[in-house]
């Protein structure tokens, strides 16, 4: 493991590196299957754009992006973000993308989500984590239910996916609920 920030059974999180950028990371955000349910990713991505994004993270204290790395072979398989951090009200938005198609299995997503919560609630001491998902994304719905997220609203017919109008669902989990559910 290289410079782990937090460690799980199958994956660990660490700071992104330039090697991550030069690997497959930039390709994930051009891939139609990977970006299907992402809210803001419609333009093709390039190595140069990914490098610019990576450089923008250096001094940004309102966003934490971490690389998701497989412990088995130390490969970079995805990224997660704690975005739009509001340090006064102590909330942020969480996001996860498993870019490696070989690792798009429930066990990796579940563990990455658990680590996301641990970072948000234990390391950053946030009180609430917000999440947004497309209503037709069954995988996201399973994760939301598994971790006891509460639906707080939806934007009806906001997105067009595969020619079909879809809702954008907003949900949240509090540190209190997470601690109770996880036995922390």
N, C-alpha and C. Protein backbone atom coordinates (compact mmCIF):
# COMPACT_ATOMS: atom_id res chain seq x y z
N UNK A 1 0.84 -1.17 0.00
CA UNK A 1 0.00 0.00 0.00
C UNK A 1 0.90 1.25 0.00
N UNK A 2 0.48 2.20 -0.79
CA UNK A 2 1.22 3.45 -0.88
C UNK A 2 0.47 4.56 -0.16
N UNK A 3 1.02 5.07 0.93
CA UNK A 3 0.52 6.22 1.65
C UNK A 3 -1.00 6.16 1.93
N UNK A 4 -1.47 5.10 2.58
CA UNK A 4 -2.91 4.97 2.82
C UNK A 4 -3.43 6.04 3.79
N UNK A 5 -4.60 6.57 3.48
CA UNK A 5 -5.28 7.55 4.33
C UNK A 5 -6.25 6.84 5.27
N UNK A 6 -6.95 5.83 4.72
CA UNK A 6 -7.85 4.99 5.50
C UNK A 6 -7.93 3.64 4.78
N UNK A 7 -7.98 2.56 5.56
CA UNK A 7 -7.84 1.22 4.99
C UNK A 7 -9.06 0.37 5.31
N UNK A 8 -9.55 -0.33 4.29
CA UNK A 8 -10.62 -1.30 4.45
C UNK A 8 -10.07 -2.70 4.22
N UNK A 9 -10.96 -3.66 4.02
CA UNK A 9 -10.54 -5.05 3.79
C UNK A 9 -10.07 -5.28 2.36
N UNK A 10 -10.77 -4.70 1.39
CA UNK A 10 -10.44 -4.91 -0.01
C UNK A 10 -9.85 -3.69 -0.70
N UNK A 11 -10.16 -2.51 -0.17
CA UNK A 11 -9.66 -1.27 -0.77
C UNK A 11 -9.11 -0.36 0.31
N UNK A 12 -8.31 0.59 -0.12
CA UNK A 12 -7.88 1.67 0.75
C UNK A 12 -7.98 2.97 -0.02
N UNK A 13 -8.02 4.07 0.71
CA UNK A 13 -8.10 5.39 0.11
C UNK A 13 -6.78 6.11 0.35
N UNK A 14 -6.36 6.86 -0.66
CA UNK A 14 -5.15 7.67 -0.55
C UNK A 14 -5.32 8.90 -1.40
N UNK A 15 -4.39 9.83 -1.25
CA UNK A 15 -4.43 11.02 -2.09
C UNK A 15 -4.20 10.62 -3.55
N UNK A 16 -4.82 11.33 -4.49
CA UNK A 16 -4.57 11.06 -5.91
C UNK A 16 -3.13 11.43 -6.26
N UNK A 17 -2.60 10.76 -7.27
CA UNK A 17 -1.25 11.04 -7.73
C UNK A 17 -1.26 11.34 -9.23
N UNK A 18 -0.17 11.89 -9.68
CA UNK A 18 -0.05 12.15 -11.11
C UNK A 18 -0.04 10.84 -11.89
N UNK A 19 0.44 9.77 -11.27
CA UNK A 19 0.41 8.45 -11.91
C UNK A 19 -1.04 7.99 -12.13
N UNK A 20 -1.93 8.32 -11.17
CA UNK A 20 -3.35 8.01 -11.34
C UNK A 20 -3.89 8.72 -12.58
N UNK A 21 -3.53 9.99 -12.72
CA UNK A 21 -3.99 10.79 -13.85
C UNK A 21 -3.51 10.18 -15.16
N UNK A 22 -2.26 9.77 -15.19
CA UNK A 22 -1.68 9.20 -16.41
C UNK A 22 -2.15 7.78 -16.68
N UNK A 23 -2.81 7.18 -15.70
CA UNK A 23 -3.37 5.84 -15.87
C UNK A 23 -4.72 5.94 -16.57
N UNK A 24 -5.69 5.19 -16.06
CA UNK A 24 -7.02 5.12 -16.69
C UNK A 24 -8.00 6.18 -16.22
N UNK A 25 -7.64 6.94 -15.20
CA UNK A 25 -8.59 7.87 -14.57
C UNK A 25 -9.28 8.76 -15.59
N UNK A 26 -8.52 9.38 -16.45
CA UNK A 26 -9.13 10.31 -17.40
C UNK A 26 -10.06 9.59 -18.38
N UNK A 27 -9.78 8.34 -18.66
CA UNK A 27 -10.63 7.57 -19.59
C UNK A 27 -11.99 7.23 -18.97
N UNK A 28 -12.03 7.05 -17.66
CA UNK A 28 -13.30 6.72 -17.01
C UNK A 28 -14.36 7.76 -17.30
N UNK A 29 -13.94 9.04 -17.36
CA UNK A 29 -14.91 10.12 -17.50
C UNK A 29 -15.21 10.47 -18.95
N UNK A 30 -14.79 9.62 -19.85
CA UNK A 30 -15.24 9.67 -21.24
C UNK A 30 -16.06 8.45 -21.59
N UNK A 31 -16.00 7.43 -20.75
CA UNK A 31 -16.68 6.16 -21.00
C UNK A 31 -18.18 6.29 -20.78
N UNK A 32 -18.95 5.91 -21.78
CA UNK A 32 -20.41 6.06 -21.74
C UNK A 32 -21.05 5.29 -20.59
N UNK A 33 -20.59 4.09 -20.33
CA UNK A 33 -21.16 3.28 -19.25
C UNK A 33 -20.85 3.88 -17.87
N UNK A 34 -19.62 4.34 -17.71
CA UNK A 34 -19.20 4.91 -16.42
C UNK A 34 -19.93 6.21 -16.11
N UNK A 35 -20.15 7.02 -17.12
CA UNK A 35 -20.73 8.35 -16.90
C UNK A 35 -22.25 8.40 -17.05
N UNK A 36 -22.86 7.29 -17.35
CA UNK A 36 -24.30 7.27 -17.62
C UNK A 36 -25.12 7.98 -16.55
N UNK A 37 -24.83 7.75 -15.30
CA UNK A 37 -25.64 8.32 -14.22
C UNK A 37 -24.98 9.51 -13.53
N UNK A 38 -23.87 9.98 -14.06
CA UNK A 38 -23.24 11.16 -13.47
C UNK A 38 -23.99 12.41 -13.92
N UNK A 39 -24.20 13.31 -13.01
CA UNK A 39 -25.04 14.47 -13.26
C UNK A 39 -24.37 15.52 -14.13
N UNK A 40 -23.07 15.68 -14.01
CA UNK A 40 -22.40 16.80 -14.68
C UNK A 40 -21.35 16.39 -15.70
N UNK A 41 -21.35 15.17 -16.16
CA UNK A 41 -20.28 14.73 -17.05
C UNK A 41 -20.82 14.39 -18.45
N UNK A 42 -20.82 15.41 -19.31
CA UNK A 42 -21.33 15.16 -20.66
C UNK A 42 -20.28 15.39 -21.73
N UNK A 43 -19.20 16.08 -21.41
CA UNK A 43 -18.15 16.36 -22.38
C UNK A 43 -17.08 15.28 -22.29
N UNK A 44 -16.43 14.97 -23.39
CA UNK A 44 -15.34 14.00 -23.32
C UNK A 44 -14.20 14.55 -22.46
N UNK A 45 -13.50 13.64 -21.82
CA UNK A 45 -12.40 14.03 -20.94
C UNK A 45 -11.08 13.72 -21.63
N UNK A 46 -10.04 14.41 -21.23
CA UNK A 46 -8.72 14.18 -21.80
C UNK A 46 -7.70 14.09 -20.67
N UNK A 47 -6.55 13.60 -20.99
CA UNK A 47 -5.46 13.54 -20.03
C UNK A 47 -5.13 14.93 -19.52
N UNK A 48 -5.11 15.91 -20.40
CA UNK A 48 -4.79 17.29 -20.01
C UNK A 48 -5.85 17.85 -19.07
N UNK A 49 -7.13 17.59 -19.35
CA UNK A 49 -8.20 18.08 -18.48
C UNK A 49 -8.14 17.41 -17.11
N UNK A 50 -7.84 16.12 -17.10
CA UNK A 50 -7.74 15.41 -15.83
C UNK A 50 -6.57 15.93 -15.01
N UNK A 51 -5.48 16.24 -15.68
CA UNK A 51 -4.31 16.81 -15.00
C UNK A 51 -4.64 18.18 -14.41
N UNK A 52 -5.39 19.00 -15.15
CA UNK A 52 -5.83 20.30 -14.62
C UNK A 52 -6.70 20.12 -13.38
N UNK A 53 -7.62 19.16 -13.44
CA UNK A 53 -8.48 18.87 -12.29
C UNK A 53 -7.63 18.44 -11.10
N UNK A 54 -6.70 17.54 -11.34
CA UNK A 54 -5.81 17.05 -10.29
C UNK A 54 -5.05 18.21 -9.64
N UNK A 55 -4.52 19.10 -10.45
CA UNK A 55 -3.77 20.25 -9.92
C UNK A 55 -4.67 21.19 -9.12
N UNK A 56 -5.94 21.27 -9.49
CA UNK A 56 -6.87 22.16 -8.79
C UNK A 56 -7.18 21.68 -7.38
N UNK A 57 -6.89 20.42 -7.09
CA UNK A 57 -7.20 19.86 -5.78
C UNK A 57 -6.19 20.27 -4.70
N UNK A 58 -5.00 20.64 -5.12
CA UNK A 58 -3.89 20.86 -4.20
C UNK A 58 -4.24 21.79 -3.04
N UNK A 59 -4.79 22.93 -3.30
CA UNK A 59 -5.07 23.90 -2.25
C UNK A 59 -6.55 24.07 -1.96
N UNK A 60 -7.37 23.16 -2.44
CA UNK A 60 -8.82 23.27 -2.27
C UNK A 60 -9.23 22.61 -0.96
N UNK A 61 -9.67 23.40 -0.01
CA UNK A 61 -10.10 22.87 1.29
C UNK A 61 -11.63 22.72 1.36
N UNK A 62 -12.30 22.93 0.25
CA UNK A 62 -13.74 22.73 0.21
C UNK A 62 -14.11 21.45 -0.54
N UNK A 63 -13.09 20.69 -0.91
CA UNK A 63 -13.31 19.44 -1.63
C UNK A 63 -12.16 18.50 -1.32
N UNK A 64 -12.51 17.28 -0.97
CA UNK A 64 -11.49 16.25 -0.78
C UNK A 64 -11.77 15.14 -1.79
N UNK A 65 -10.82 14.87 -2.64
CA UNK A 65 -10.92 13.77 -3.58
C UNK A 65 -9.87 12.74 -3.20
N UNK A 66 -10.28 11.49 -3.10
CA UNK A 66 -9.38 10.41 -2.74
C UNK A 66 -9.45 9.31 -3.79
N UNK A 67 -8.31 8.72 -4.05
CA UNK A 67 -8.25 7.58 -4.95
C UNK A 67 -8.67 6.32 -4.20
N UNK A 68 -9.48 5.50 -4.86
CA UNK A 68 -9.87 4.20 -4.33
C UNK A 68 -8.90 3.20 -4.95
N UNK A 69 -8.21 2.44 -4.09
CA UNK A 69 -7.16 1.55 -4.57
C UNK A 69 -7.43 0.13 -4.08
N UNK A 70 -7.31 -0.84 -4.98
CA UNK A 70 -7.47 -2.25 -4.63
C UNK A 70 -6.26 -2.70 -3.82
N UNK A 71 -6.51 -3.31 -2.67
CA UNK A 71 -5.41 -3.80 -1.84
C UNK A 71 -4.74 -5.01 -2.49
N UNK A 72 -5.50 -5.76 -3.29
CA UNK A 72 -4.97 -6.98 -3.90
C UNK A 72 -3.76 -6.71 -4.80
N UNK A 73 -3.88 -5.69 -5.66
CA UNK A 73 -2.78 -5.43 -6.61
C UNK A 73 -2.35 -3.97 -6.64
N UNK A 74 -2.83 -3.18 -5.68
CA UNK A 74 -2.48 -1.76 -5.57
C UNK A 74 -2.86 -0.96 -6.81
N UNK A 75 -3.94 -1.38 -7.48
CA UNK A 75 -4.38 -0.66 -8.68
C UNK A 75 -5.43 0.39 -8.32
N UNK A 76 -5.37 1.50 -9.03
CA UNK A 76 -6.31 2.62 -8.86
C UNK A 76 -7.61 2.22 -9.56
N UNK A 77 -8.69 2.05 -8.78
CA UNK A 77 -9.94 1.54 -9.36
C UNK A 77 -11.07 2.56 -9.38
N UNK A 78 -10.90 3.67 -8.69
CA UNK A 78 -11.97 4.66 -8.65
C UNK A 78 -11.58 5.88 -7.86
N UNK A 79 -12.54 6.77 -7.72
CA UNK A 79 -12.34 7.99 -6.94
C UNK A 79 -13.60 8.27 -6.12
N UNK A 80 -13.38 8.92 -5.01
CA UNK A 80 -14.53 9.40 -4.25
C UNK A 80 -14.28 10.84 -3.87
N UNK A 81 -15.36 11.55 -3.68
CA UNK A 81 -15.25 12.95 -3.34
C UNK A 81 -16.13 13.31 -2.16
N UNK A 82 -15.60 14.19 -1.35
CA UNK A 82 -16.39 14.88 -0.33
C UNK A 82 -16.35 16.33 -0.80
N UNK A 83 -17.45 16.74 -1.40
CA UNK A 83 -17.50 17.97 -2.19
C UNK A 83 -18.34 19.06 -1.53
N UNK A 84 -18.06 20.30 -1.92
CA UNK A 84 -18.82 21.45 -1.42
C UNK A 84 -18.94 21.42 0.10
N UNK A 85 -17.79 21.23 0.74
CA UNK A 85 -17.77 21.15 2.20
C UNK A 85 -18.13 22.51 2.80
N UNK A 86 -19.12 22.51 3.66
CA UNK A 86 -19.51 23.70 4.39
C UNK A 86 -19.01 23.52 5.82
N UNK A 87 -17.89 24.18 6.13
CA UNK A 87 -17.25 23.99 7.42
C UNK A 87 -18.03 24.64 8.56
N UNK A 88 -18.84 25.63 8.27
CA UNK A 88 -19.64 26.28 9.32
C UNK A 88 -20.80 25.39 9.72
N UNK A 89 -21.57 24.93 8.74
CA UNK A 89 -22.73 24.09 9.02
C UNK A 89 -22.38 22.60 9.11
N UNK A 90 -21.14 22.25 8.73
CA UNK A 90 -20.57 20.92 8.85
C UNK A 90 -21.32 19.85 8.05
N UNK A 91 -21.51 20.16 6.77
CA UNK A 91 -22.07 19.17 5.84
C UNK A 91 -21.31 19.23 4.53
N UNK A 92 -21.49 18.21 3.72
CA UNK A 92 -20.86 18.14 2.41
C UNK A 92 -21.67 17.19 1.54
N UNK A 93 -21.26 17.09 0.28
CA UNK A 93 -21.87 16.15 -0.66
C UNK A 93 -20.87 15.03 -0.93
N UNK A 94 -21.35 13.81 -0.92
CA UNK A 94 -20.48 12.66 -1.19
C UNK A 94 -20.71 12.11 -2.58
N UNK A 95 -19.63 11.58 -3.17
CA UNK A 95 -19.75 10.95 -4.49
C UNK A 95 -18.71 9.84 -4.62
N UNK A 96 -19.06 8.83 -5.39
CA UNK A 96 -18.15 7.70 -5.65
C UNK A 96 -18.29 7.29 -7.10
N UNK A 97 -17.15 7.04 -7.74
CA UNK A 97 -17.12 6.47 -9.08
C UNK A 97 -16.12 5.32 -9.07
N UNK A 98 -16.61 4.12 -9.37
CA UNK A 98 -15.72 2.98 -9.58
C UNK A 98 -15.48 2.94 -11.08
N UNK A 99 -14.30 3.37 -11.49
CA UNK A 99 -13.99 3.47 -12.92
C UNK A 99 -13.57 2.15 -13.54
N UNK A 100 -12.90 1.32 -12.77
CA UNK A 100 -12.43 0.03 -13.27
C UNK A 100 -13.62 -0.92 -13.41
N UNK A 101 -13.91 -1.32 -14.62
CA UNK A 101 -15.06 -2.20 -14.85
C UNK A 101 -14.90 -3.55 -14.15
N UNK A 102 -13.67 -4.01 -13.99
CA UNK A 102 -13.42 -5.28 -13.31
C UNK A 102 -13.76 -5.20 -11.83
N UNK A 103 -13.85 -4.00 -11.28
CA UNK A 103 -14.12 -3.82 -9.86
C UNK A 103 -15.52 -3.27 -9.58
N UNK A 104 -16.38 -3.27 -10.56
CA UNK A 104 -17.75 -2.80 -10.36
C UNK A 104 -18.60 -3.91 -9.78
N UNK A 105 -18.24 -4.27 -8.59
CA UNK A 105 -18.97 -5.29 -7.85
C UNK A 105 -19.41 -4.65 -6.56
N UNK A 106 -20.49 -5.16 -6.01
CA UNK A 106 -21.07 -4.55 -4.80
C UNK A 106 -20.05 -4.43 -3.68
N UNK A 107 -19.20 -5.43 -3.51
CA UNK A 107 -18.28 -5.41 -2.37
C UNK A 107 -17.35 -4.21 -2.39
N UNK A 108 -16.91 -3.77 -3.57
CA UNK A 108 -16.01 -2.62 -3.66
C UNK A 108 -16.76 -1.31 -3.42
N UNK A 109 -17.95 -1.21 -3.99
CA UNK A 109 -18.74 0.01 -3.81
C UNK A 109 -19.20 0.16 -2.36
N UNK A 110 -19.62 -0.93 -1.76
CA UNK A 110 -20.06 -0.88 -0.36
C UNK A 110 -18.91 -0.48 0.55
N UNK A 111 -17.76 -1.09 0.35
CA UNK A 111 -16.62 -0.76 1.20
C UNK A 111 -16.15 0.67 0.97
N UNK A 112 -16.11 1.13 -0.28
CA UNK A 112 -15.72 2.51 -0.56
C UNK A 112 -16.71 3.48 0.09
N UNK A 113 -17.99 3.15 0.07
CA UNK A 113 -19.01 4.00 0.71
C UNK A 113 -18.80 4.03 2.23
N UNK A 114 -18.50 2.89 2.81
CA UNK A 114 -18.22 2.85 4.24
C UNK A 114 -17.02 3.73 4.58
N UNK A 115 -15.96 3.65 3.78
CA UNK A 115 -14.77 4.47 4.03
C UNK A 115 -15.07 5.96 3.82
N UNK A 116 -15.91 6.27 2.84
CA UNK A 116 -16.34 7.65 2.63
C UNK A 116 -17.00 8.21 3.90
N UNK A 117 -17.88 7.42 4.49
CA UNK A 117 -18.56 7.84 5.72
C UNK A 117 -17.56 8.01 6.87
N UNK A 118 -16.63 7.11 6.98
CA UNK A 118 -15.64 7.19 8.05
C UNK A 118 -14.80 8.47 7.92
N UNK A 119 -14.42 8.78 6.69
CA UNK A 119 -13.65 10.01 6.48
C UNK A 119 -14.51 11.23 6.81
N UNK A 120 -15.72 11.28 6.28
CA UNK A 120 -16.59 12.45 6.47
C UNK A 120 -16.93 12.66 7.95
N UNK A 121 -17.31 11.58 8.64
CA UNK A 121 -17.82 11.73 10.00
C UNK A 121 -16.74 11.63 11.08
N UNK A 122 -15.71 10.85 10.85
CA UNK A 122 -14.68 10.69 11.88
C UNK A 122 -13.46 11.58 11.64
N UNK A 123 -12.98 11.62 10.40
CA UNK A 123 -11.76 12.40 10.14
C UNK A 123 -12.05 13.89 9.96
N UNK A 124 -13.15 14.21 9.25
CA UNK A 124 -13.47 15.62 8.99
C UNK A 124 -14.49 16.18 9.98
N UNK A 125 -15.07 15.30 10.79
CA UNK A 125 -16.03 15.70 11.82
C UNK A 125 -17.25 16.43 11.25
N UNK A 126 -17.70 16.01 10.09
CA UNK A 126 -18.93 16.57 9.51
C UNK A 126 -20.13 15.99 10.24
N UNK A 127 -21.26 16.71 10.15
CA UNK A 127 -22.48 16.25 10.80
C UNK A 127 -23.47 15.61 9.83
N UNK A 128 -23.41 16.01 8.56
CA UNK A 128 -24.34 15.48 7.56
C UNK A 128 -23.64 15.31 6.22
N UNK A 129 -24.06 14.28 5.51
CA UNK A 129 -23.54 14.03 4.17
C UNK A 129 -24.73 13.92 3.22
N UNK A 130 -24.68 14.73 2.18
CA UNK A 130 -25.74 14.72 1.17
C UNK A 130 -25.34 13.83 0.00
N UNK A 131 -26.33 13.32 -0.69
CA UNK A 131 -26.08 12.49 -1.86
C UNK A 131 -27.17 12.73 -2.89
N UNK A 132 -26.80 12.63 -4.14
CA UNK A 132 -27.76 12.76 -5.24
C UNK A 132 -27.60 11.56 -6.14
N UNK A 133 -28.73 11.01 -6.58
CA UNK A 133 -28.65 9.90 -7.53
C UNK A 133 -29.85 9.95 -8.49
N UNK A 134 -29.64 9.39 -9.65
CA UNK A 134 -30.68 9.31 -10.66
C UNK A 134 -31.66 8.22 -10.26
N UNK A 135 -32.94 8.51 -10.36
CA UNK A 135 -33.97 7.58 -9.89
C UNK A 135 -33.90 6.21 -10.56
N UNK A 136 -33.36 6.11 -11.75
CA UNK A 136 -33.28 4.82 -12.45
C UNK A 136 -31.98 4.07 -12.18
N UNK A 137 -31.12 4.62 -11.33
CA UNK A 137 -29.86 3.97 -11.00
C UNK A 137 -30.08 3.02 -9.82
N UNK A 138 -30.38 1.77 -10.13
CA UNK A 138 -30.72 0.78 -9.10
C UNK A 138 -29.57 0.55 -8.12
N UNK A 139 -28.34 0.57 -8.62
CA UNK A 139 -27.19 0.36 -7.74
C UNK A 139 -27.09 1.44 -6.68
N UNK A 140 -27.29 2.68 -7.08
CA UNK A 140 -27.24 3.80 -6.12
C UNK A 140 -28.36 3.67 -5.09
N UNK A 141 -29.52 3.24 -5.54
CA UNK A 141 -30.64 3.08 -4.62
C UNK A 141 -30.34 2.02 -3.56
N UNK A 142 -29.73 0.92 -3.97
CA UNK A 142 -29.37 -0.15 -3.03
C UNK A 142 -28.40 0.40 -1.98
N UNK A 143 -27.40 1.15 -2.41
CA UNK A 143 -26.43 1.73 -1.48
C UNK A 143 -27.13 2.69 -0.51
N UNK A 144 -28.02 3.52 -1.04
CA UNK A 144 -28.75 4.47 -0.20
C UNK A 144 -29.55 3.73 0.88
N UNK A 145 -30.23 2.66 0.49
CA UNK A 145 -31.02 1.89 1.45
C UNK A 145 -30.14 1.15 2.45
N UNK A 146 -29.06 0.57 1.97
CA UNK A 146 -28.15 -0.18 2.84
C UNK A 146 -27.58 0.69 3.94
N UNK A 147 -27.21 1.92 3.60
CA UNK A 147 -26.59 2.81 4.58
C UNK A 147 -27.60 3.73 5.27
N UNK A 148 -28.89 3.50 5.04
CA UNK A 148 -29.96 4.22 5.76
C UNK A 148 -30.01 5.71 5.44
N UNK A 149 -29.77 6.06 4.19
CA UNK A 149 -29.96 7.45 3.77
C UNK A 149 -31.44 7.77 3.79
N UNK A 150 -31.76 9.01 4.11
CA UNK A 150 -33.14 9.47 4.12
C UNK A 150 -33.37 10.34 2.89
N UNK A 151 -34.40 10.03 2.14
CA UNK A 151 -34.76 10.85 0.98
C UNK A 151 -35.26 12.20 1.49
N UNK A 152 -34.69 13.27 0.95
CA UNK A 152 -35.10 14.60 1.40
C UNK A 152 -35.80 15.39 0.29
N UNK A 153 -35.82 14.84 -0.92
CA UNK A 153 -36.52 15.52 -2.00
C UNK A 153 -36.12 14.96 -3.35
N UNK A 154 -36.76 15.50 -4.37
CA UNK A 154 -36.39 15.08 -5.73
C UNK A 154 -36.74 16.19 -6.71
N UNK A 155 -35.96 16.20 -7.77
CA UNK A 155 -36.19 17.11 -8.88
C UNK A 155 -36.80 16.26 -9.99
N UNK A 156 -38.09 16.43 -10.22
CA UNK A 156 -38.82 15.60 -11.18
C UNK A 156 -38.40 15.90 -12.61
N UNK A 157 -38.21 14.85 -13.38
CA UNK A 157 -37.92 14.95 -14.81
C UNK A 157 -36.77 15.90 -15.13
N UNK A 158 -35.77 15.93 -14.29
CA UNK A 158 -34.66 16.86 -14.47
C UNK A 158 -33.65 16.39 -15.51
N UNK A 159 -33.45 15.07 -15.59
CA UNK A 159 -32.40 14.53 -16.43
C UNK A 159 -32.95 13.68 -17.56
N UNK A 160 -32.22 13.64 -18.64
CA UNK A 160 -32.59 12.80 -19.78
C UNK A 160 -31.51 11.73 -19.92
N UNK A 161 -31.91 10.48 -19.68
CA UNK A 161 -30.97 9.36 -19.75
C UNK A 161 -31.58 8.28 -20.64
N UNK A 162 -30.82 7.89 -21.65
CA UNK A 162 -31.29 6.91 -22.62
C UNK A 162 -32.64 7.32 -23.22
N UNK A 163 -32.81 8.62 -23.45
CA UNK A 163 -34.03 9.13 -24.06
C UNK A 163 -35.22 9.19 -23.12
N UNK A 164 -35.01 8.92 -21.86
CA UNK A 164 -36.09 8.88 -20.89
C UNK A 164 -35.88 9.95 -19.81
N UNK A 165 -36.94 10.68 -19.48
CA UNK A 165 -36.87 11.67 -18.41
C UNK A 165 -36.75 10.95 -17.07
N UNK A 166 -35.81 11.40 -16.25
CA UNK A 166 -35.56 10.76 -14.95
C UNK A 166 -35.51 11.82 -13.86
N UNK A 167 -35.85 11.39 -12.64
CA UNK A 167 -35.79 12.28 -11.49
C UNK A 167 -34.39 12.24 -10.89
N UNK A 168 -34.00 13.34 -10.28
CA UNK A 168 -32.79 13.41 -9.49
C UNK A 168 -33.22 13.39 -8.03
N UNK A 169 -32.79 12.38 -7.30
CA UNK A 169 -33.20 12.19 -5.91
C UNK A 169 -32.11 12.72 -4.98
N UNK A 170 -32.51 13.53 -4.03
CA UNK A 170 -31.60 14.05 -3.01
C UNK A 170 -31.86 13.29 -1.72
N UNK A 171 -30.78 12.89 -1.06
CA UNK A 171 -30.91 12.19 0.21
C UNK A 171 -29.76 12.59 1.13
N UNK A 172 -29.87 12.21 2.39
CA UNK A 172 -28.83 12.56 3.34
C UNK A 172 -28.71 11.51 4.42
N UNK A 173 -27.56 11.53 5.07
CA UNK A 173 -27.34 10.71 6.25
C UNK A 173 -26.62 11.60 7.26
N UNK A 174 -27.04 11.50 8.50
CA UNK A 174 -26.40 12.28 9.56
C UNK A 174 -25.35 11.44 10.25
N UNK A 175 -24.43 12.11 10.89
CA UNK A 175 -23.41 11.42 11.69
C UNK A 175 -24.09 10.60 12.78
N UNK A 176 -25.13 11.15 13.36
CA UNK A 176 -25.86 10.47 14.43
C UNK A 176 -26.46 9.15 13.94
N UNK A 177 -27.16 9.19 12.80
CA UNK A 177 -27.77 7.97 12.25
C UNK A 177 -26.67 6.98 11.83
N UNK A 178 -25.65 7.47 11.16
CA UNK A 178 -24.56 6.59 10.73
C UNK A 178 -23.91 5.91 11.93
N UNK A 179 -23.65 6.66 12.98
CA UNK A 179 -23.01 6.09 14.18
C UNK A 179 -23.90 5.02 14.81
N UNK A 180 -25.19 5.30 14.85
CA UNK A 180 -26.15 4.34 15.43
C UNK A 180 -26.23 3.07 14.58
N UNK A 181 -26.32 3.23 13.26
CA UNK A 181 -26.44 2.09 12.35
C UNK A 181 -25.16 1.25 12.29
N UNK A 182 -24.01 1.92 12.38
CA UNK A 182 -22.74 1.23 12.25
C UNK A 182 -22.18 0.78 13.59
N UNK A 183 -22.88 1.11 14.66
CA UNK A 183 -22.42 0.71 15.97
C UNK A 183 -21.18 1.44 16.43
N UNK A 184 -21.02 2.67 15.95
CA UNK A 184 -19.82 3.46 16.30
C UNK A 184 -20.02 4.15 17.63
